[in-house]
Every structure is written in C-alpha cells, then in structure tokens.
Amino acid sequence: MTAALTPDVPQLDPAEGARQVDAGAFLLDVREPDEWAAGHAGAATHVPLGQLPGRLAEIPADRPVVAVCRAGGRSQQAATFLRQQGIDAANLQGGMQAWAAAGLDVTDERGGPGSVI
C-alpha cells in the first residue's frame, strides 16, 4: 500500500471519471442496493458506504479508485475514508446523476437500460 495520502479528495467530472475508468481505475459505487439495482455504470463494483470499512480488502490499493453515489455526497465520504487508508481515491462530482446526464452507460441489474433513483 502507498504512504498515507492527504484527505483532500480530487473531484472528477463524469468525462474525466469515465476516462480514468477506461484507463484502468476501479469504479466504486457506494449507493444502497435498491439504487444499484435500478441503474449503475457497467464497469462499477458495488460496495454500499456502510459496508466499506468491513469490505476494504475488496478495494484495490494498486490502482486509482473513482467513488460514485447518486449525487456525490456519500462517494466524497468513501473517497475520504479510502485516502485515509492510503488508497488513491477520487470523487465523481454529481454522482450517477451527472454520469447519466453526460450520456454515459447506466444499466439495471439485468443488464438492460437503467435509471438513477
């Protein structure tokens, strides 16, 4: 794991977040199960914010992490926590609402078109 990072969390717009994910960053969705089921980014991994400390081993420490929620508040908390653990994490500003508004992929739990609730 890297040395402790500053808690100052980088803020990414949807285009930059998608670019980083395409380049190998880990997209972490910290929303609740019903929000995830309704619609999420196809490349995302789901770990609800409340479960994050207990599931930290599932988050890679060897590549950047882009945290996302519905509007950006919970993912800011997640990214702050991850940075305190020495993980290079950023927050997706505007969350899945901004992701969807930018025309980026949103799929439901069955792989069909999803929506952000």
C-alpha atoms as a PDB file:
ATOM      1  CA  MET A   1       0.000   0.000   0.000  1.00  0.00           C
ATOM      2  CA  THR A   2       1.173   3.539  -0.647  1.00  0.00           C
ATOM      3  CA  ALA A   3       2.086   6.010   2.055  1.00  0.00           C
ATOM      4  CA  ALA A   4      -0.812   7.868   3.657  1.00  0.00           C
ATOM      5  CA  LEU A   5      -2.431  10.294   1.257  1.00  0.00           C
ATOM      6  CA  THR A   6      -3.842  13.666   2.152  1.00  0.00           C
ATOM      7  CA  PRO A   7      -7.580  13.612   2.848  1.00  0.00           C
ATOM      8  CA  ASP A   8      -8.035  16.327   0.198  1.00  0.00           C
ATOM      9  CA  VAL A   9     -10.113  14.384  -2.309  1.00  0.00           C
ATOM     10  CA  PRO A  10      -9.718  15.064  -6.042  1.00  0.00           C
ATOM     11  CA  GLN A  11     -13.031  15.890  -7.727  1.00  0.00           C
ATOM     12  CA  LEU A  12     -13.677  14.434 -11.190  1.00  0.00           C
ATOM     13  CA  ASP A  13     -16.369  15.372 -13.671  1.00  0.00           C
ATOM     14  CA  PRO A  14     -18.100  12.462 -15.429  1.00  0.00           C
ATOM     15  CA  ALA A  15     -15.947  12.680 -18.564  1.00  0.00           C
ATOM     16  CA  GLU A  16     -12.709  12.563 -16.555  1.00  0.00           C
ATOM     17  CA  GLY A  17     -14.079   9.818 -14.313  1.00  0.00           C
ATOM     18  CA  ALA A  18     -15.002   7.715 -17.350  1.00  0.00           C
ATOM     19  CA  ARG A  19     -11.587   8.395 -18.906  1.00  0.00           C
ATOM     20  CA  GLN A  20      -9.843   7.212 -15.751  1.00  0.00           C
ATOM     21  CA  VAL A  21     -12.017   4.076 -15.568  1.00  0.00           C
ATOM     22  CA  ASP A  22     -11.239   3.350 -19.229  1.00  0.00           C
ATOM     23  CA  ALA A  23      -7.549   3.720 -18.330  1.00  0.00           C
ATOM     24  CA  GLY A  24      -7.830   1.145 -15.530  1.00  0.00           C
ATOM     25  CA  ALA A  25      -9.195   2.943 -12.470  1.00  0.00           C
ATOM     26  CA  PHE A  26     -11.563   0.974 -10.208  1.00  0.00           C
ATOM     27  CA  LEU A  27     -15.105   2.413 -10.246  1.00  0.00           C
ATOM     28  CA  LEU A  28     -16.654   2.008  -6.793  1.00  0.00           C
ATOM     29  CA  ASP A  29     -20.419   2.548  -6.408  1.00  0.00           C
ATOM     30  CA  VAL A  30     -21.284   3.149  -2.734  1.00  0.00           C
ATOM     31  CA  ARG A  31     -25.067   3.531  -3.095  1.00  0.00           C
ATOM     32  CA  GLU A  32     -27.716   1.368  -1.461  1.00  0.00           C
ATOM     33  CA  PRO A  33     -28.817  -1.927  -3.091  1.00  0.00           C
ATOM     34  CA  ASP A  34     -32.080  -0.520  -4.500  1.00  0.00           C
ATOM     35  CA  GLU A  35     -30.221   2.378  -6.140  1.00  0.00           C
ATOM     36  CA  TRP A  36     -27.663  -0.042  -7.607  1.00  0.00           C
ATOM     37  CA  ALA A  37     -30.377  -2.367  -8.945  1.00  0.00           C
ATOM     38  CA  ALA A  38     -32.193   0.493 -10.700  1.00  0.00           C
ATOM     39  CA  GLY A  39     -29.118   1.640 -12.586  1.00  0.00           C
ATOM     40  CA  HIS A  40     -25.341   1.673 -12.339  1.00  0.00           C
ATOM     41  CA  ALA A  41     -22.301   2.075 -14.555  1.00  0.00           C
ATOM     42  CA  GLY A  42     -21.422  -1.224 -16.188  1.00  0.00           C
ATOM     43  CA  ALA A  43     -17.811  -1.094 -15.013  1.00  0.00           C
ATOM     44  CA  ALA A  44     -18.730  -0.388 -11.380  1.00  0.00           C
ATOM     45  CA  THR A  45     -18.301  -2.598  -8.340  1.00  0.00           C
ATOM     46  CA  HIS A  46     -20.955  -2.240  -5.651  1.00  0.00           C
ATOM     47  CA  VAL A  47     -19.969  -1.806  -2.001  1.00  0.00           C
ATOM     48  CA  PRO A  48     -22.531   0.232  -0.021  1.00  0.00           C
ATOM     49  CA  LEU A  49     -20.922   3.005   2.022  1.00  0.00           C
ATOM     50  CA  GLY A  50     -21.912   1.444   5.350  1.00  0.00           C
ATOM     51  CA  GLN A  51     -20.139  -1.786   4.405  1.00  0.00           C
ATOM     52  CA  LEU A  52     -16.956  -0.177   3.096  1.00  0.00           C
ATOM     53  CA  PRO A  53     -14.796  -0.471   6.257  1.00  0.00           C
ATOM     54  CA  GLY A  54     -15.572  -4.180   6.557  1.00  0.00           C
ATOM     55  CA  ARG A  55     -15.003  -4.823   2.859  1.00  0.00           C
ATOM     56  CA  LEU A  56     -11.850  -2.754   2.429  1.00  0.00           C
ATOM     57  CA  ALA A  57      -9.930  -5.821   1.235  1.00  0.00           C
ATOM     58  CA  GLU A  58     -12.126  -5.814  -1.903  1.00  0.00           C
ATOM     59  CA  ILE A  59     -10.836  -2.380  -2.936  1.00  0.00           C
ATOM     60  CA  PRO A  60      -7.580  -2.457  -4.911  1.00  0.00           C
ATOM     61  CA  ALA A  61      -4.751  -0.434  -3.415  1.00  0.00           C
ATOM     62  CA  ASP A  62      -2.588  -0.715  -6.533  1.00  0.00           C
ATOM     63  CA  ARG A  63      -4.637   1.473  -8.877  1.00  0.00           C
ATOM     64  CA  PRO A  64      -6.769   4.618  -8.641  1.00  0.00           C
ATOM     65  CA  VAL A  65     -10.323   4.383  -7.329  1.00  0.00           C
ATOM     66  CA  VAL A  66     -13.191   6.573  -8.555  1.00  0.00           C
ATOM     67  CA  ALA A  67     -16.016   6.618  -5.992  1.00  0.00           C
ATOM     68  CA  VAL A  68     -19.586   7.334  -7.094  1.00  0.00           C
ATOM     69  CA  CYS A  69     -23.003   7.599  -5.431  1.00  0.00           C
ATOM     70  CA  ARG A  70     -26.236   9.299  -6.518  1.00  0.00           C
ATOM     71  CA  ALA A  71     -25.178  12.941  -6.194  1.00  0.00           C
ATOM     72  CA  GLY A  72     -21.637  12.957  -4.793  1.00  0.00           C
ATOM     73  CA  GLY A  73     -22.013  13.194  -1.006  1.00  0.00           C
ATOM     74  CA  ARG A  74     -21.608   9.568   0.013  1.00  0.00           C
ATOM     75  CA  SER A  75     -18.859   8.999  -2.536  1.00  0.00           C
ATOM     76  CA  GLN A  76     -16.998  12.004  -1.083  1.00  0.00           C
ATOM     77  CA  GLN A  77     -17.126  10.258   2.312  1.00  0.00           C
ATOM     78  CA  ALA A  78     -15.964   6.990   0.741  1.00  0.00           C
ATOM     79  CA  ALA A  79     -13.079   8.638  -1.101  1.00  0.00           C
ATOM     80  CA  THR A  80     -12.007  10.468   2.065  1.00  0.00           C
ATOM     81  CA  PHE A  81     -12.019   7.192   4.009  1.00  0.00           C
ATOM     82  CA  LEU A  82     -10.086   5.382   1.270  1.00  0.00           C
ATOM     83  CA  ARG A  83      -7.461   8.128   1.094  1.00  0.00           C
ATOM     84  CA  GLN A  84      -7.029   7.874   4.869  1.00  0.00           C
ATOM     85  CA  GLN A  85      -6.229   4.186   4.260  1.00  0.00           C
ATOM     86  CA  GLY A  86      -3.549   5.145   1.723  1.00  0.00           C
ATOM     87  CA  ILE A  87      -5.636   4.397  -1.374  1.00  0.00           C
ATOM     88  CA  ASP A  88      -5.548   6.828  -4.303  1.00  0.00           C
ATOM     89  CA  ALA A  89      -9.261   7.707  -4.448  1.00  0.00           C
ATOM     90  CA  ALA A  90     -11.244  10.476  -6.133  1.00  0.00           C
ATOM     91  CA  ASN A  91     -14.893  11.538  -6.009  1.00  0.00           C
ATOM     92  CA  LEU A  92     -17.129  11.674  -9.075  1.00  0.00           C
ATOM     93  CA  GLN A  93     -18.774  15.098  -8.784  1.00  0.00           C
ATOM     94  CA  GLY A  94     -22.530  14.968  -9.242  1.00  0.00           C
ATOM     95  CA  GLY A  95     -22.547  11.193  -8.882  1.00  0.00           C
ATOM     96  CA  MET A  96     -24.604   8.896 -11.061  1.00  0.00           C
ATOM     97  CA  GLN A  97     -26.983  11.766 -11.804  1.00  0.00           C
ATOM     98  CA  ALA A  98     -24.156  13.612 -13.562  1.00  0.00           C
ATOM     99  CA  TRP A  99     -22.847  10.362 -15.110  1.00  0.00           C
ATOM    100  CA  ALA A 100     -26.254   9.649 -16.682  1.00  0.00           C
ATOM    101  CA  ALA A 101     -26.757  13.289 -17.729  1.00  0.00           C
ATOM    102  CA  ALA A 102     -23.414  13.100 -19.571  1.00  0.00           C
ATOM    103  CA  GLY A 103     -24.782  10.207 -21.628  1.00  0.00           C
ATOM    104  CA  LEU A 104     -22.534   7.581 -20.035  1.00  0.00           C
ATOM    105  CA  ASP A 105     -23.721   3.988 -19.600  1.00  0.00           C
ATOM    106  CA  VAL A 106     -26.354   3.161 -16.983  1.00  0.00           C
ATOM    107  CA  THR A 107     -27.590  -0.425 -16.778  1.00  0.00           C
ATOM    108  CA  ASP A 108     -30.025  -2.149 -14.447  1.00  0.00           C
ATOM    109  CA  GLU A 109     -29.379  -5.343 -12.516  1.00  0.00           C
ATOM    110  CA  ARG A 110     -30.461  -7.415 -15.543  1.00  0.00           C
ATOM    111  CA  GLY A 111     -28.098  -5.640 -17.914  1.00  0.00           C
ATOM    112  CA  GLY A 112     -30.826  -3.575 -19.586  1.00  0.00           C
ATOM    113  CA  PRO A 113     -31.186   0.209 -19.684  1.00  0.00           C
ATOM    114  CA  GLY A 114     -31.112   1.567 -16.145  1.00  0.00           C
ATOM    115  CA  SER A 115     -32.171   4.722 -14.361  1.00  0.00           C
ATOM    116  CA  VAL A 116     -30.753   6.727 -11.483  1.00  0.00           C
ATOM    117  CA  ILE A 117     -33.028   6.942  -8.458  1.00  0.00           C
END
